[in-house]
C-alpha atoms as a PDB file:
ATOM      1  CA  MET A   1     111.364-231.941 -99.282  1.00  0.00           C
ATOM      2  CA  CYS A   2     114.232-233.524 -97.700  1.00  0.00           C
ATOM      3  CA  PRO A   3     114.258-237.786 -99.023  1.00  0.00           C
ATOM      4  CA  PRO A   4     112.538-240.124 -96.584  1.00  0.00           C
ATOM      5  CA  THR A   5     116.001-241.012 -94.502  1.00  0.00           C
ATOM      6  CA  LEU A   6     116.561-237.423 -93.306  1.00  0.00           C
ATOM      7  CA  ASP A   7     120.186-237.517 -93.623  1.00  0.00           C
ATOM      8  CA  SER A   8     120.080-234.541 -95.862  1.00  0.00           C
ATOM      9  CA  CYS A   9     117.944-232.896 -93.379  1.00  0.00           C
ATOM     10  CA  ARG A  10     120.080-233.796 -90.330  1.00  0.00           C
ATOM     11  CA  SER A  11     123.166-232.077 -92.447  1.00  0.00           C
ATOM     12  CA  ALA A  12     121.050-229.136 -92.933  1.00  0.00           C
ATOM     13  CA  VAL A  13     120.293-228.653 -89.912  1.00  0.00           C
ATOM     14  CA  MET A  14     123.929-229.270 -88.588  1.00  0.00           C
ATOM     15  CA  GLU A  15     125.632-226.816 -91.134  1.00  0.00           C
ATOM     16  CA  GLU A  16     123.134-224.320 -89.610  1.00  0.00           C
ATOM     17  CA  HIS A  17     124.129-224.933 -86.287  1.00  0.00           C
ATOM     18  CA  LEU A  18     128.126-224.786 -87.273  1.00  0.00           C
ATOM     19  CA  PHE A  19     127.037-221.095 -89.115  1.00  0.00           C
ATOM     20  CA  TRP A  20     125.651-219.549 -86.019  1.00  0.00           C
ATOM     21  CA  LYS A  21     128.668-220.743 -83.943  1.00  0.00           C
ATOM     22  CA  PHE A  22     130.832-219.383 -86.532  1.00  0.00           C
ATOM     23  CA  GLU A  23     128.732-215.790 -86.506  1.00  0.00           C
ATOM     24  CA  ALA A  24     128.535-215.978 -82.728  1.00  0.00           C
ATOM     25  CA  ALA A  25     132.439-216.335 -82.620  1.00  0.00           C
ATOM     26  CA  MET A  26     133.310-213.691 -84.949  1.00  0.00           C
ATOM     27  CA  LEU A  27     131.054-211.220 -83.233  1.00  0.00           C
ATOM     28  CA  ALA A  28     132.457-212.246 -79.631  1.00  0.00           C
ATOM     29  CA  LEU A  29     136.274-212.193 -81.459  1.00  0.00           C
ATOM     30  CA  THR A  30     134.893-208.555 -82.867  1.00  0.00           C
ATOM     31  CA  VAL A  31     133.784-207.332 -79.354  1.00  0.00           C
ATOM     32  CA  ALA A  32     137.219-208.726 -77.848  1.00  0.00           C
ATOM     33  CA  PHE A  33     139.188-206.601 -80.310  1.00  0.00           C
ATOM     34  CA  ALA A  34     136.757-203.101 -80.052  1.00  0.00           C
ATOM     35  CA  VAL A  35     137.344-203.075 -76.626  1.00  0.00           C
ATOM     36  CA  LEU A  36     141.022-203.613 -76.651  1.00  0.00           C
ATOM     37  CA  VAL A  37     141.512-200.811 -79.139  1.00  0.00           C
ATOM     38  CA  VAL A  38     139.550-198.366 -76.996  1.00  0.00           C
ATOM     39  CA  ILE A  39     141.795-199.219 -74.067  1.00  0.00           C
ATOM     40  CA  ARG A  40     144.739-198.894 -76.107  1.00  0.00           C
ATOM     41  CA  GLN A  41     143.609-195.642 -77.619  1.00  0.00           C
ATOM     42  CA  ARG A  42     143.171-194.373 -74.260  1.00  0.00           C
ATOM     43  CA  TRP A  43     146.402-195.250 -72.592  1.00  0.00           C
ATOM     44  CA  LEU A  44     148.157-193.826 -75.716  1.00  0.00           C
ATOM     45  CA  ASP A  45     146.060-190.409 -75.162  1.00  0.00           C
ATOM     46  CA  ARG A  46     147.144-190.397 -71.459  1.00  0.00           C
ATOM     47  CA  LEU A  47     150.846-190.923 -72.549  1.00  0.00           C
ATOM     48  CA  ALA A  48     150.397-188.166 -74.937  1.00  0.00           C
ATOM     49  CA  SER A  49     148.968-185.855 -72.706  1.00  0.00           C
ATOM     50  CA  GLU A  50     151.720-186.464 -70.362  1.00  0.00           C
ATOM     51  CA  LYS A  51     154.006-185.597 -72.542  1.00  0.00           C
ATOM     52  CA  VAL A  52     152.587-182.593 -73.304  1.00  0.00           C
ATOM     53  CA  ARG A  53     152.379-181.375 -69.603  1.00  0.00           C
ATOM     54  CA  ARG A  54     155.704-182.298 -69.329  1.00  0.00           C
ATOM     55  CA  GLN A  55     156.572-180.260 -72.139  1.00  0.00           C
ATOM     56  CA  ILE A  56     154.681-176.895 -70.322  1.00  0.00           C
ATOM     57  CA  GLU A  57     156.041-177.780 -67.285  1.00  0.00           C
ATOM     58  CA  SER A  58     159.709-177.406 -68.677  1.00  0.00           C
ATOM     59  CA  ILE A  59     158.912-174.163 -69.963  1.00  0.00           C
END
């Protein structure tokens, strides 16, 4: 239980709020970097396909 002043309760609520803000920020960063990885992989796949196509055409 909290003391009559409720200071530690407020602190616990504040800590929980900060924790969830941190979790949301980490989730957003994870999603952003996952999207960047997918975009980069598609770009690299396209470059590799073009290189193979050029090599086949030169035969």
